[in-house]
Amino acid sequence: MTMPKDGKGVSPSPLMREHWQHIDKRSLDACRSAEWETLSQQKNDYLAARCADEVLRMLKIQADDPSFGYSVNMYQHCLQTATMMYRDNLPEEDIVVGLFHDIGYMVCPDAHGSFAALLLRPYISDRNHWMLEHHEVFQQVHFHEMDDIDPDEREQWRGHPYFDWTAEFIAKYDQLAINIDEEILPLEEFEPLVRRVFAKGHEAPTA
């Protein structure tokens, strides 16, 4: 937290790099090309350095959350999903997507697939983006004896190029990852994978 300075405000937030510059403006309207260029350069470096840490932190803060009924909480569910995918030697991107697929469940349960899809979009393939967007509906085939659920709702996308992958993710991993008796690797095991996947999203484009 920044501390008050001479009673008129707060000290500027510290910069991530010592050689960076504060943009001493009080509105966006006041910024011109030189300020925008500085901000853009510093922002790109900032995001490349911090995005993976920030997303990992979003997941870590759920570690001690209570469960609403399952034997695992949502944090453990995400880790167990990723653990099963890791043991099956899936590509790193798929494992990272499994790790974060329900990261937004506790804050927007009815749109948590879209939440994860938007969060990970710069770092993942169209295949995994589509899977995240639709995995909530694909789960419904595994919800039995629920009067307000249509288990066949996913059939509207039958024939889509990513239908089979989404169905496989749900059947083999997501719907099984509620078992406290099965292996759950610690988050630290996945951090190198997360950093590699996120680093690809910040690589400079080739000519």
N, C-alpha and C. Protein backbone atom coordinates (compact mmCIF):
# COMPACT_ATOMS: atom_id res chain seq x y z
N MET A 1 0.85 -1.20 0.00
CA MET A 1 0.00 0.00 0.00
C MET A 1 0.88 1.25 0.00
N THR A 2 0.56 2.20 -0.85
CA THR A 2 1.34 3.44 -0.88
C THR A 2 0.97 4.31 0.31
N MET A 3 1.93 5.11 0.76
CA MET A 3 1.74 5.94 1.95
C MET A 3 1.45 7.39 1.55
N PRO A 4 0.69 8.09 2.36
CA PRO A 4 0.40 9.50 2.05
C PRO A 4 1.68 10.33 1.95
N LYS A 5 1.66 11.28 1.03
CA LYS A 5 2.80 12.18 0.86
C LYS A 5 2.32 13.60 1.03
N ASP A 6 2.83 14.32 1.99
CA ASP A 6 2.54 15.71 2.32
C ASP A 6 1.04 16.02 2.42
N GLY A 7 0.25 14.99 2.74
CA GLY A 7 -1.17 15.22 2.99
C GLY A 7 -2.01 15.48 1.77
N LYS A 8 -1.42 15.46 0.59
CA LYS A 8 -2.18 15.81 -0.62
C LYS A 8 -2.49 14.62 -1.51
N GLY A 9 -1.95 13.47 -1.18
CA GLY A 9 -2.19 12.31 -2.02
C GLY A 9 -1.35 11.14 -1.56
N VAL A 10 -0.97 10.30 -2.47
CA VAL A 10 -0.14 9.14 -2.15
C VAL A 10 1.08 9.16 -3.04
N SER A 11 2.11 8.45 -2.60
CA SER A 11 3.31 8.33 -3.41
C SER A 11 3.02 7.48 -4.63
N PRO A 12 3.71 7.71 -5.74
CA PRO A 12 3.49 6.88 -6.93
C PRO A 12 3.79 5.42 -6.64
N SER A 13 3.05 4.54 -7.27
CA SER A 13 3.34 3.11 -7.14
C SER A 13 4.74 2.82 -7.65
N PRO A 14 5.44 1.91 -7.01
CA PRO A 14 6.79 1.60 -7.49
C PRO A 14 6.73 0.96 -8.87
N LEU A 15 7.75 1.22 -9.66
CA LEU A 15 7.85 0.63 -10.99
C LEU A 15 8.54 -0.72 -10.92
N MET A 16 8.23 -1.59 -11.87
CA MET A 16 8.81 -2.93 -11.86
C MET A 16 10.30 -2.91 -12.19
N ARG A 17 10.71 -1.99 -13.06
CA ARG A 17 12.12 -1.87 -13.44
C ARG A 17 12.66 -0.51 -12.97
N GLU A 18 13.88 -0.53 -12.48
CA GLU A 18 14.47 0.71 -11.95
C GLU A 18 14.61 1.80 -13.01
N HIS A 19 14.86 1.41 -14.25
CA HIS A 19 15.10 2.39 -15.30
C HIS A 19 13.82 2.89 -15.97
N TRP A 20 12.66 2.37 -15.55
CA TRP A 20 11.39 2.81 -16.15
C TRP A 20 11.05 4.24 -15.70
N GLN A 21 10.08 4.82 -16.40
CA GLN A 21 9.65 6.17 -16.10
C GLN A 21 8.19 6.18 -15.65
N HIS A 22 7.88 6.99 -14.66
CA HIS A 22 6.48 7.28 -14.37
C HIS A 22 5.96 8.29 -15.41
N ILE A 23 4.75 8.11 -15.80
CA ILE A 23 4.08 9.08 -16.68
C ILE A 23 3.29 10.01 -15.77
N ASP A 24 3.79 11.19 -15.58
CA ASP A 24 3.22 12.11 -14.59
C ASP A 24 2.08 12.92 -15.20
N LYS A 25 1.02 12.20 -15.56
CA LYS A 25 -0.18 12.84 -16.09
C LYS A 25 -1.35 12.49 -15.18
N ARG A 26 -2.39 13.30 -15.24
CA ARG A 26 -3.54 13.06 -14.37
C ARG A 26 -4.78 12.61 -15.14
N SER A 27 -4.64 12.43 -16.44
CA SER A 27 -5.75 11.92 -17.24
C SER A 27 -5.19 11.33 -18.53
N LEU A 28 -5.96 10.45 -19.15
CA LEU A 28 -5.55 9.90 -20.45
C LEU A 28 -5.51 10.99 -21.51
N ASP A 29 -6.42 11.95 -21.39
CA ASP A 29 -6.45 13.05 -22.36
C ASP A 29 -5.13 13.80 -22.44
N ALA A 30 -4.41 13.82 -21.34
CA ALA A 30 -3.16 14.59 -21.29
C ALA A 30 -1.98 13.86 -21.94
N CYS A 31 -2.13 12.57 -22.22
CA CYS A 31 -1.03 11.80 -22.79
C CYS A 31 -0.92 12.04 -24.29
N ARG A 32 0.32 12.10 -24.77
CA ARG A 32 0.59 12.26 -26.19
C ARG A 32 1.53 11.14 -26.64
N SER A 33 2.00 11.22 -27.87
CA SER A 33 2.71 10.10 -28.48
C SER A 33 3.90 9.61 -27.65
N ALA A 34 4.66 10.54 -27.09
CA ALA A 34 5.83 10.13 -26.30
C ALA A 34 5.41 9.31 -25.08
N GLU A 35 4.33 9.75 -24.42
CA GLU A 35 3.86 9.02 -23.24
C GLU A 35 3.31 7.64 -23.63
N TRP A 36 2.55 7.60 -24.73
CA TRP A 36 1.98 6.32 -25.15
C TRP A 36 3.08 5.34 -25.55
N GLU A 37 4.14 5.84 -26.18
CA GLU A 37 5.24 4.95 -26.57
C GLU A 37 5.93 4.38 -25.34
N THR A 38 6.17 5.23 -24.35
CA THR A 38 6.80 4.75 -23.11
C THR A 38 5.91 3.73 -22.41
N LEU A 39 4.63 4.04 -22.29
CA LEU A 39 3.71 3.13 -21.62
C LEU A 39 3.62 1.79 -22.36
N SER A 40 3.58 1.85 -23.67
CA SER A 40 3.47 0.62 -24.45
C SER A 40 4.68 -0.28 -24.26
N GLN A 41 5.86 0.30 -24.32
CA GLN A 41 7.08 -0.48 -24.14
C GLN A 41 7.15 -1.10 -22.75
N GLN A 42 6.83 -0.30 -21.75
CA GLN A 42 6.90 -0.80 -20.38
C GLN A 42 5.80 -1.82 -20.11
N LYS A 43 4.62 -1.59 -20.67
CA LYS A 43 3.51 -2.51 -20.46
C LYS A 43 3.82 -3.89 -21.03
N ASN A 44 4.38 -3.94 -22.24
CA ASN A 44 4.67 -5.23 -22.86
C ASN A 44 5.66 -6.03 -22.03
N ASP A 45 6.67 -5.37 -21.52
CA ASP A 45 7.64 -6.03 -20.64
C ASP A 45 6.96 -6.48 -19.35
N TYR A 46 6.14 -5.61 -18.80
CA TYR A 46 5.42 -5.89 -17.55
C TYR A 46 4.55 -7.15 -17.69
N LEU A 47 3.77 -7.19 -18.76
CA LEU A 47 2.86 -8.32 -18.95
C LEU A 47 3.62 -9.62 -19.19
N ALA A 48 4.69 -9.54 -19.99
CA ALA A 48 5.48 -10.74 -20.25
C ALA A 48 6.07 -11.29 -18.97
N ALA A 49 6.46 -10.40 -18.06
CA ALA A 49 7.10 -10.83 -16.82
C ALA A 49 6.11 -11.31 -15.77
N ARG A 50 4.88 -10.80 -15.80
CA ARG A 50 4.00 -10.98 -14.66
C ARG A 50 2.73 -11.79 -14.92
N CYS A 51 2.34 -11.99 -16.17
CA CYS A 51 1.05 -12.64 -16.42
C CYS A 51 0.95 -14.03 -15.80
N ALA A 52 1.98 -14.84 -15.99
CA ALA A 52 1.93 -16.19 -15.42
C ALA A 52 1.81 -16.14 -13.90
N ASP A 53 2.58 -15.24 -13.27
CA ASP A 53 2.51 -15.10 -11.81
C ASP A 53 1.11 -14.70 -11.36
N GLU A 54 0.50 -13.78 -12.09
CA GLU A 54 -0.82 -13.27 -11.69
C GLU A 54 -1.88 -14.37 -11.79
N VAL A 55 -1.85 -15.16 -12.86
CA VAL A 55 -2.85 -16.21 -13.02
C VAL A 55 -2.62 -17.31 -11.98
N LEU A 56 -1.37 -17.66 -11.74
CA LEU A 56 -1.08 -18.63 -10.68
C LEU A 56 -1.58 -18.14 -9.33
N ARG A 57 -1.40 -16.85 -9.07
CA ARG A 57 -1.87 -16.30 -7.80
C ARG A 57 -3.39 -16.37 -7.70
N MET A 58 -4.09 -16.14 -8.81
CA MET A 58 -5.54 -16.25 -8.80
C MET A 58 -6.00 -17.64 -8.38
N LEU A 59 -5.24 -18.65 -8.82
CA LEU A 59 -5.59 -20.02 -8.43
C LEU A 59 -5.17 -20.31 -7.00
N LYS A 60 -3.98 -19.86 -6.62
CA LYS A 60 -3.44 -20.17 -5.29
C LYS A 60 -4.35 -19.67 -4.16
N ILE A 61 -4.98 -18.53 -4.36
CA ILE A 61 -5.79 -17.98 -3.27
C ILE A 61 -7.01 -18.84 -2.97
N GLN A 62 -7.31 -19.80 -3.84
CA GLN A 62 -8.44 -20.70 -3.60
C GLN A 62 -8.04 -21.96 -2.85
N ALA A 63 -6.77 -22.09 -2.52
CA ALA A 63 -6.25 -23.35 -1.97
C ALA A 63 -6.98 -23.80 -0.71
N ASP A 64 -7.31 -22.87 0.17
CA ASP A 64 -7.92 -23.22 1.45
C ASP A 64 -9.43 -22.97 1.49
N ASP A 65 -10.01 -22.76 0.32
CA ASP A 65 -11.46 -22.53 0.27
C ASP A 65 -12.21 -23.79 0.70
N PRO A 66 -13.37 -23.63 1.33
CA PRO A 66 -14.19 -24.80 1.62
C PRO A 66 -14.84 -25.35 0.36
N SER A 67 -15.32 -26.56 0.45
CA SER A 67 -16.08 -27.18 -0.64
C SER A 67 -17.56 -26.95 -0.40
N PHE A 68 -18.34 -26.92 -1.49
CA PHE A 68 -19.79 -26.82 -1.31
C PHE A 68 -20.45 -28.19 -1.34
N GLY A 69 -19.65 -29.27 -1.34
CA GLY A 69 -20.24 -30.60 -1.27
C GLY A 69 -19.33 -31.71 -1.75
N TYR A 70 -18.54 -31.45 -2.77
CA TYR A 70 -17.61 -32.46 -3.24
C TYR A 70 -16.53 -32.72 -2.19
N SER A 71 -15.83 -33.85 -2.31
CA SER A 71 -14.76 -34.16 -1.36
C SER A 71 -13.51 -33.32 -1.61
N VAL A 72 -13.46 -32.63 -2.74
CA VAL A 72 -12.37 -31.71 -3.04
C VAL A 72 -12.96 -30.32 -3.29
N ASN A 73 -12.17 -29.29 -3.00
CA ASN A 73 -12.63 -27.94 -3.36
C ASN A 73 -12.26 -27.65 -4.81
N MET A 74 -12.58 -26.47 -5.29
CA MET A 74 -12.34 -26.17 -6.70
C MET A 74 -10.86 -26.11 -7.04
N TYR A 75 -10.06 -25.67 -6.10
CA TYR A 75 -8.60 -25.66 -6.28
C TYR A 75 -8.08 -27.08 -6.50
N GLN A 76 -8.49 -28.00 -5.63
CA GLN A 76 -8.04 -29.39 -5.76
C GLN A 76 -8.61 -30.03 -7.02
N HIS A 77 -9.82 -29.65 -7.38
CA HIS A 77 -10.41 -30.16 -8.62
C HIS A 77 -9.55 -29.77 -9.83
N CYS A 78 -9.13 -28.54 -9.88
CA CYS A 78 -8.29 -28.08 -10.99
C CYS A 78 -6.96 -28.82 -11.00
N LEU A 79 -6.36 -28.97 -9.83
CA LEU A 79 -5.08 -29.68 -9.75
C LEU A 79 -5.23 -31.15 -10.13
N GLN A 80 -6.32 -31.77 -9.72
CA GLN A 80 -6.52 -33.18 -10.05
C GLN A 80 -6.76 -33.36 -11.54
N THR A 81 -7.49 -32.44 -12.14
CA THR A 81 -7.68 -32.49 -13.59
C THR A 81 -6.34 -32.43 -14.29
N ALA A 82 -5.51 -31.46 -13.92
CA ALA A 82 -4.19 -31.32 -14.54
C ALA A 82 -3.30 -32.52 -14.25
N THR A 83 -3.41 -33.09 -13.06
CA THR A 83 -2.61 -34.26 -12.70
C THR A 83 -2.91 -35.44 -13.62
N MET A 84 -4.19 -35.71 -13.87
CA MET A 84 -4.56 -36.82 -14.75
C MET A 84 -4.07 -36.57 -16.17
N MET A 85 -4.16 -35.34 -16.62
CA MET A 85 -3.70 -35.01 -17.97
C MET A 85 -2.18 -35.14 -18.07
N TYR A 86 -1.49 -34.74 -17.02
CA TYR A 86 -0.03 -34.87 -16.96
C TYR A 86 0.37 -36.34 -17.00
N ARG A 87 -0.30 -37.18 -16.24
CA ARG A 87 0.01 -38.61 -16.21
C ARG A 87 -0.27 -39.28 -17.55
N ASP A 88 -1.17 -38.71 -18.33
CA ASP A 88 -1.48 -39.24 -19.67
C ASP A 88 -0.58 -38.64 -20.75
N ASN A 89 0.40 -37.86 -20.34
CA ASN A 89 1.38 -37.28 -21.26
C ASN A 89 0.75 -36.40 -22.34
N LEU A 90 -0.25 -35.64 -21.97
CA LEU A 90 -0.85 -34.70 -22.90
C LEU A 90 0.10 -33.52 -23.12
N PRO A 91 -0.08 -32.77 -24.20
CA PRO A 91 0.76 -31.60 -24.44
C PRO A 91 0.67 -30.60 -23.29
N GLU A 92 1.73 -29.83 -23.11
CA GLU A 92 1.78 -28.88 -22.00
C GLU A 92 0.62 -27.89 -22.04
N GLU A 93 0.27 -27.41 -23.22
CA GLU A 93 -0.84 -26.46 -23.29
C GLU A 93 -2.13 -27.07 -22.77
N ASP A 94 -2.41 -28.32 -23.14
CA ASP A 94 -3.62 -28.98 -22.68
C ASP A 94 -3.64 -29.10 -21.16
N ILE A 95 -2.49 -29.45 -20.58
CA ILE A 95 -2.41 -29.59 -19.13
C ILE A 95 -2.66 -28.25 -18.44
N VAL A 96 -2.06 -27.19 -18.97
CA VAL A 96 -2.26 -25.86 -18.39
C VAL A 96 -3.71 -25.44 -18.50
N VAL A 97 -4.35 -25.73 -19.62
CA VAL A 97 -5.77 -25.43 -19.78
C VAL A 97 -6.59 -26.22 -18.76
N GLY A 98 -6.24 -27.47 -18.55
CA GLY A 98 -6.93 -28.25 -17.53
C GLY A 98 -6.75 -27.66 -16.14
N LEU A 99 -5.56 -27.16 -15.87
CA LEU A 99 -5.28 -26.56 -14.56
C LEU A 99 -6.15 -25.35 -14.29
N PHE A 100 -6.42 -24.56 -15.31
CA PHE A 100 -7.14 -23.30 -15.11
C PHE A 100 -8.58 -23.33 -15.61
N HIS A 101 -9.08 -24.49 -16.01
CA HIS A 101 -10.39 -24.51 -16.69
C HIS A 101 -11.53 -24.01 -15.80
N ASP A 102 -11.40 -24.18 -14.49
CA ASP A 102 -12.46 -23.75 -13.57
C ASP A 102 -11.99 -22.63 -12.64
N ILE A 103 -11.00 -21.88 -13.04
CA ILE A 103 -10.43 -20.86 -12.16
C ILE A 103 -11.46 -19.79 -11.77
N GLY A 104 -12.43 -19.56 -12.63
CA GLY A 104 -13.43 -18.53 -12.33
C GLY A 104 -14.74 -19.05 -11.77
N TYR A 105 -14.78 -20.33 -11.42
CA TYR A 105 -16.06 -20.92 -11.02
C TYR A 105 -16.68 -20.24 -9.81
N MET A 106 -15.87 -19.88 -8.82
CA MET A 106 -16.42 -19.36 -7.58
C MET A 106 -16.92 -17.92 -7.71
N VAL A 107 -16.50 -17.21 -8.74
CA VAL A 107 -16.95 -15.82 -8.89
C VAL A 107 -17.98 -15.66 -10.00
N CYS A 108 -17.98 -16.56 -10.99
CA CYS A 108 -19.03 -16.50 -12.02
C CYS A 108 -19.35 -17.92 -12.48
N PRO A 109 -20.01 -18.69 -11.64
CA PRO A 109 -20.23 -20.11 -11.93
C PRO A 109 -20.99 -20.36 -13.22
N ASP A 110 -21.92 -19.49 -13.57
CA ASP A 110 -22.72 -19.71 -14.77
C ASP A 110 -22.02 -19.33 -16.06
N ALA A 111 -20.84 -18.72 -15.94
CA ALA A 111 -20.07 -18.35 -17.13
C ALA A 111 -18.58 -18.63 -16.92
N HIS A 112 -18.28 -19.64 -16.11
CA HIS A 112 -16.87 -19.85 -15.78
C HIS A 112 -16.07 -20.36 -16.97
N GLY A 113 -16.73 -21.01 -17.92
CA GLY A 113 -16.02 -21.44 -19.12
C GLY A 113 -15.55 -20.25 -19.94
N SER A 114 -16.44 -19.29 -20.12
CA SER A 114 -16.08 -18.07 -20.85
C SER A 114 -15.01 -17.28 -20.09
N PHE A 115 -15.10 -17.28 -18.77
CA PHE A 115 -14.09 -16.60 -17.95
C PHE A 115 -12.71 -17.16 -18.24
N ALA A 116 -12.57 -18.48 -18.18
CA ALA A 116 -11.27 -19.11 -18.42
C ALA A 116 -10.83 -18.92 -19.87
N ALA A 117 -11.77 -19.00 -20.80
CA ALA A 117 -11.43 -18.83 -22.21
C ALA A 117 -10.87 -17.44 -22.48
N LEU A 118 -11.49 -16.42 -21.92
CA LEU A 118 -10.99 -15.06 -22.10
C LEU A 118 -9.65 -14.86 -21.41
N LEU A 119 -9.50 -15.44 -20.23
CA LEU A 119 -8.27 -15.28 -19.47
C LEU A 119 -7.07 -15.88 -20.21
N LEU A 120 -7.28 -17.03 -20.84
CA LEU A 120 -6.18 -17.77 -21.46
C LEU A 120 -6.04 -17.53 -22.95
N ARG A 121 -6.97 -16.78 -23.56
CA ARG A 121 -7.02 -16.65 -25.01
C ARG A 121 -5.69 -16.30 -25.66
N PRO A 122 -4.89 -15.37 -25.13
CA PRO A 122 -3.64 -15.02 -25.83
C PRO A 122 -2.60 -16.14 -25.84
N TYR A 123 -2.81 -17.18 -25.04
CA TYR A 123 -1.76 -18.17 -24.83
C TYR A 123 -2.10 -19.56 -25.36
N ILE A 124 -3.31 -19.75 -25.86
CA ILE A 124 -3.76 -21.10 -26.21
C ILE A 124 -4.30 -21.17 -27.63
N SER A 125 -4.47 -22.38 -28.11
CA SER A 125 -4.96 -22.63 -29.46
C SER A 125 -6.47 -22.42 -29.55
N ASP A 126 -6.96 -22.30 -30.77
CA ASP A 126 -8.41 -22.23 -30.98
C ASP A 126 -9.11 -23.47 -30.44
N ARG A 127 -8.46 -24.59 -30.55
CA ARG A 127 -9.01 -25.86 -30.06
C ARG A 127 -9.32 -25.78 -28.57
N ASN A 128 -8.37 -25.31 -27.80
CA ASN A 128 -8.58 -25.23 -26.35
C ASN A 128 -9.47 -24.05 -25.96
N HIS A 129 -9.40 -22.99 -26.71
CA HIS A 129 -10.31 -21.87 -26.44
C HIS A 129 -11.76 -22.31 -26.61
N TRP A 130 -12.04 -23.04 -27.69
CA TRP A 130 -13.41 -23.53 -27.95
C TRP A 130 -13.83 -24.51 -26.85
N MET A 131 -12.91 -25.37 -26.46
CA MET A 131 -13.23 -26.33 -25.41
C MET A 131 -13.62 -25.63 -24.11
N LEU A 132 -12.84 -24.63 -23.72
CA LEU A 132 -13.16 -23.91 -22.49
C LEU A 132 -14.52 -23.22 -22.58
N GLU A 133 -14.78 -22.60 -23.71
CA GLU A 133 -16.05 -21.89 -23.90
C GLU A 133 -17.25 -22.82 -23.76
N HIS A 134 -17.09 -24.08 -24.15
CA HIS A 134 -18.24 -24.99 -24.25
C HIS A 134 -18.25 -26.11 -23.22
N HIS A 135 -17.23 -26.21 -22.40
CA HIS A 135 -17.14 -27.40 -21.55
C HIS A 135 -18.27 -27.49 -20.53
N GLU A 136 -18.85 -26.35 -20.14
CA GLU A 136 -19.97 -26.40 -19.20
C GLU A 136 -21.14 -27.19 -19.76
N VAL A 137 -21.46 -26.94 -21.02
CA VAL A 137 -22.58 -27.64 -21.65
C VAL A 137 -22.24 -29.12 -21.87
N PHE A 138 -21.00 -29.40 -22.24
CA PHE A 138 -20.60 -30.79 -22.48
C PHE A 138 -20.65 -31.62 -21.19
N GLN A 139 -20.49 -30.98 -20.05
CA GLN A 139 -20.59 -31.70 -18.78
C GLN A 139 -21.96 -32.31 -18.57
N GLN A 140 -22.96 -31.70 -19.15
CA GLN A 140 -24.34 -32.08 -18.83
C GLN A 140 -24.66 -33.52 -19.19
N VAL A 141 -23.92 -34.11 -20.13
CA VAL A 141 -24.16 -35.51 -20.49
C VAL A 141 -23.86 -36.43 -19.31
N HIS A 142 -23.11 -35.94 -18.33
CA HIS A 142 -22.77 -36.72 -17.15
C HIS A 142 -23.63 -36.37 -15.93
N PHE A 143 -24.59 -35.46 -16.11
CA PHE A 143 -25.50 -35.10 -15.02
C PHE A 143 -26.77 -35.93 -15.14
N HIS A 144 -26.93 -36.90 -14.27
CA HIS A 144 -28.06 -37.82 -14.36
C HIS A 144 -29.16 -37.43 -13.36
N GLU A 145 -30.38 -37.63 -13.78
CA GLU A 145 -31.56 -37.40 -12.94
C GLU A 145 -31.63 -35.97 -12.44
N MET A 146 -31.33 -35.04 -13.32
CA MET A 146 -31.49 -33.61 -13.02
C MET A 146 -32.52 -33.07 -13.99
N ASP A 147 -33.70 -32.75 -13.47
CA ASP A 147 -34.83 -32.40 -14.33
C ASP A 147 -34.61 -31.14 -15.15
N ASP A 148 -33.80 -30.21 -14.66
CA ASP A 148 -33.62 -28.95 -15.35
C ASP A 148 -32.40 -28.93 -16.27
N ILE A 149 -31.79 -30.09 -16.51
CA ILE A 149 -30.60 -30.20 -17.34
C ILE A 149 -30.91 -31.05 -18.57
N ASP A 150 -30.50 -30.56 -19.74
CA ASP A 150 -30.63 -31.33 -20.97
C ASP A 150 -29.28 -31.98 -21.27
N PRO A 151 -29.14 -33.28 -21.08
CA PRO A 151 -27.85 -33.93 -21.31
C PRO A 151 -27.42 -33.93 -22.77
N ASP A 152 -28.36 -33.71 -23.67
CA ASP A 152 -28.05 -33.73 -25.10
C ASP A 152 -27.86 -32.34 -25.69
N GLU A 153 -27.75 -31.32 -24.85
CA GLU A 153 -27.61 -29.96 -25.37
C GLU A 153 -26.35 -29.80 -26.23
N ARG A 154 -25.33 -30.57 -25.92
CA ARG A 154 -24.09 -30.47 -26.68
C ARG A 154 -24.24 -30.93 -28.13
N GLU A 155 -25.30 -31.67 -28.43
CA GLU A 155 -25.46 -32.23 -29.77
C GLU A 155 -25.60 -31.15 -30.84
N GLN A 156 -25.94 -29.95 -30.45
CA GLN A 156 -26.04 -28.86 -31.43
C GLN A 156 -24.69 -28.59 -32.10
N TRP A 157 -23.59 -29.03 -31.47
CA TRP A 157 -22.26 -28.81 -32.03
C TRP A 157 -21.64 -30.08 -32.59
N ARG A 158 -22.41 -31.15 -32.66
CA ARG A 158 -21.89 -32.40 -33.21
C ARG A 158 -21.36 -32.14 -34.63
N GLY A 159 -20.18 -32.59 -34.91
CA GLY A 159 -19.55 -32.35 -36.21
C GLY A 159 -18.57 -31.20 -36.20
N HIS A 160 -18.58 -30.40 -35.13
CA HIS A 160 -17.60 -29.32 -35.03
C HIS A 160 -16.21 -29.94 -34.87
N PRO A 161 -15.16 -29.30 -35.43
CA PRO A 161 -13.81 -29.87 -35.35
C PRO A 161 -13.31 -30.12 -33.93
N TYR A 162 -13.84 -29.38 -32.95
CA TYR A 162 -13.34 -29.53 -31.58
C TYR A 162 -14.34 -30.23 -30.66
N PHE A 163 -15.39 -30.78 -31.25
CA PHE A 163 -16.39 -31.49 -30.44
C PHE A 163 -15.76 -32.67 -29.71
N ASP A 164 -15.04 -33.51 -30.43
CA ASP A 164 -14.51 -34.73 -29.82
C ASP A 164 -13.51 -34.43 -28.71
N TRP A 165 -12.66 -33.41 -28.91
CA TRP A 165 -11.70 -33.06 -27.86
C TRP A 165 -12.42 -32.56 -26.61
N THR A 166 -13.46 -31.77 -26.78
CA THR A 166 -14.19 -31.26 -25.63
C THR A 166 -14.88 -32.40 -24.88
N ALA A 167 -15.49 -33.31 -25.63
CA ALA A 167 -16.14 -34.46 -25.00
C ALA A 167 -15.11 -35.33 -24.27
N GLU A 168 -13.93 -35.50 -24.88
CA GLU A 168 -12.88 -36.30 -24.25
C GLU A 168 -12.37 -35.65 -22.97
N PHE A 169 -12.16 -34.34 -23.01
CA PHE A 169 -11.70 -33.63 -21.82
C PHE A 169 -12.67 -33.82 -20.66
N ILE A 170 -13.95 -33.69 -20.94
CA ILE A 170 -14.95 -33.84 -19.89
C ILE A 170 -14.99 -35.28 -19.38
N ALA A 171 -15.05 -36.25 -20.29
CA ALA A 171 -15.25 -37.65 -19.90
C ALA A 171 -14.04 -38.23 -19.17
N LYS A 172 -12.82 -37.92 -19.64
CA LYS A 172 -11.62 -38.55 -19.10
C LYS A 172 -11.01 -37.79 -17.94
N TYR A 173 -11.32 -36.50 -17.83
CA TYR A 173 -10.63 -35.68 -16.83
C TYR A 173 -11.59 -34.88 -15.94
N ASP A 174 -12.31 -33.94 -16.51
CA ASP A 174 -13.09 -33.00 -15.71
C ASP A 174 -14.09 -33.71 -14.80
N GLN A 175 -14.90 -34.60 -15.34
CA GLN A 175 -15.96 -35.20 -14.53
C GLN A 175 -15.45 -36.24 -13.53
N LEU A 176 -14.19 -36.65 -13.69
CA LEU A 176 -13.61 -37.61 -12.75
C LEU A 176 -12.80 -36.95 -11.64
N ALA A 177 -12.51 -35.66 -11.78
CA ALA A 177 -11.58 -34.98 -10.87
C ALA A 177 -12.27 -34.44 -9.62
N ILE A 178 -13.05 -35.30 -8.98
CA ILE A 178 -13.70 -34.95 -7.72
C ILE A 178 -13.45 -36.03 -6.66
N ASN A 179 -12.35 -36.75 -6.85
CA ASN A 179 -12.08 -37.95 -6.05
C ASN A 179 -10.88 -37.72 -5.13
N ILE A 180 -11.15 -37.54 -3.87
CA ILE A 180 -10.10 -37.27 -2.90
C ILE A 180 -9.11 -38.43 -2.77
N ASP A 181 -9.51 -39.63 -3.21
CA ASP A 181 -8.64 -40.80 -3.11
C ASP A 181 -7.63 -40.89 -4.24
N GLU A 182 -7.79 -40.07 -5.28
CA GLU A 182 -6.88 -40.11 -6.42
C GLU A 182 -5.77 -39.07 -6.25
N GLU A 183 -4.70 -39.25 -6.98
CA GLU A 183 -3.52 -38.39 -6.86
C GLU A 183 -3.85 -36.94 -7.23
N ILE A 184 -3.32 -36.03 -6.45
CA ILE A 184 -3.41 -34.59 -6.74
C ILE A 184 -2.00 -34.02 -6.55
N LEU A 185 -1.35 -33.71 -7.66
CA LEU A 185 -0.02 -33.13 -7.58
C LEU A 185 -0.09 -31.68 -7.09
N PRO A 186 0.94 -31.21 -6.39
CA PRO A 186 0.93 -29.82 -5.92
C PRO A 186 1.08 -28.85 -7.08
N LEU A 187 0.64 -27.64 -6.88
CA LEU A 187 0.69 -26.62 -7.93
C LEU A 187 2.12 -26.39 -8.42
N GLU A 188 3.09 -26.51 -7.53
CA GLU A 188 4.49 -26.28 -7.91
C GLU A 188 4.93 -27.18 -9.06
N GLU A 189 4.34 -28.35 -9.18
CA GLU A 189 4.69 -29.26 -10.27
C GLU A 189 4.33 -28.68 -11.63
N PHE A 190 3.32 -27.82 -11.65
CA PHE A 190 2.81 -27.30 -12.92
C PHE A 190 3.33 -25.91 -13.26
N GLU A 191 3.97 -25.26 -12.32
CA GLU A 191 4.40 -23.88 -12.56
C GLU A 191 5.35 -23.75 -13.76
N PRO A 192 6.33 -24.65 -13.94
CA PRO A 192 7.19 -24.51 -15.13
C PRO A 192 6.39 -24.62 -16.44
N LEU A 193 5.39 -25.48 -16.48
CA LEU A 193 4.56 -25.62 -17.68
C LEU A 193 3.79 -24.33 -17.93
N VAL A 194 3.23 -23.78 -16.87
CA VAL A 194 2.46 -22.54 -16.99
C VAL A 194 3.35 -21.44 -17.56
N ARG A 195 4.55 -21.33 -17.04
CA ARG A 195 5.45 -20.25 -17.48
C ARG A 195 5.85 -20.43 -18.94
N ARG A 196 6.05 -21.67 -19.37
CA ARG A 196 6.41 -21.89 -20.77
C ARG A 196 5.25 -21.57 -21.70
N VAL A 197 4.05 -21.97 -21.34
CA VAL A 197 2.88 -21.69 -22.18
C VAL A 197 2.63 -20.19 -22.25
N PHE A 198 2.73 -19.51 -21.14
CA PHE A 198 2.50 -18.07 -21.12
C PHE A 198 3.61 -17.32 -21.87
N ALA A 199 4.83 -17.83 -21.78
CA ALA A 199 5.94 -17.17 -22.49
C ALA A 199 5.72 -17.20 -23.99
N LYS A 200 5.12 -18.26 -24.51
CA LYS A 200 4.85 -18.34 -25.95
C LYS A 200 3.90 -17.24 -26.39
N GLY A 201 2.98 -16.87 -25.51
CA GLY A 201 2.03 -15.83 -25.86
C GLY A 201 2.65 -14.46 -25.93
N HIS A 202 3.87 -14.32 -25.40
CA HIS A 202 4.55 -13.02 -25.42
C HIS A 202 5.77 -13.02 -26.33
N GLU A 203 5.95 -14.09 -27.10
CA GLU A 203 7.07 -14.11 -28.03
C GLU A 203 6.85 -13.10 -29.16
N ALA A 204 7.91 -12.47 -29.58
CA ALA A 204 7.80 -11.51 -30.67
C ALA A 204 7.47 -12.25 -31.97
N PRO A 205 6.52 -11.73 -32.77
CA PRO A 205 6.16 -12.39 -34.02
C PRO A 205 7.34 -12.40 -34.99
N THR A 206 7.45 -13.47 -35.75
CA THR A 206 8.51 -13.56 -36.75
C THR A 206 8.05 -12.95 -38.05
N ALA A 207 9.00 -12.47 -38.84
CA ALA A 207 8.66 -11.82 -40.12
C ALA A 207 8.21 -12.84 -41.14
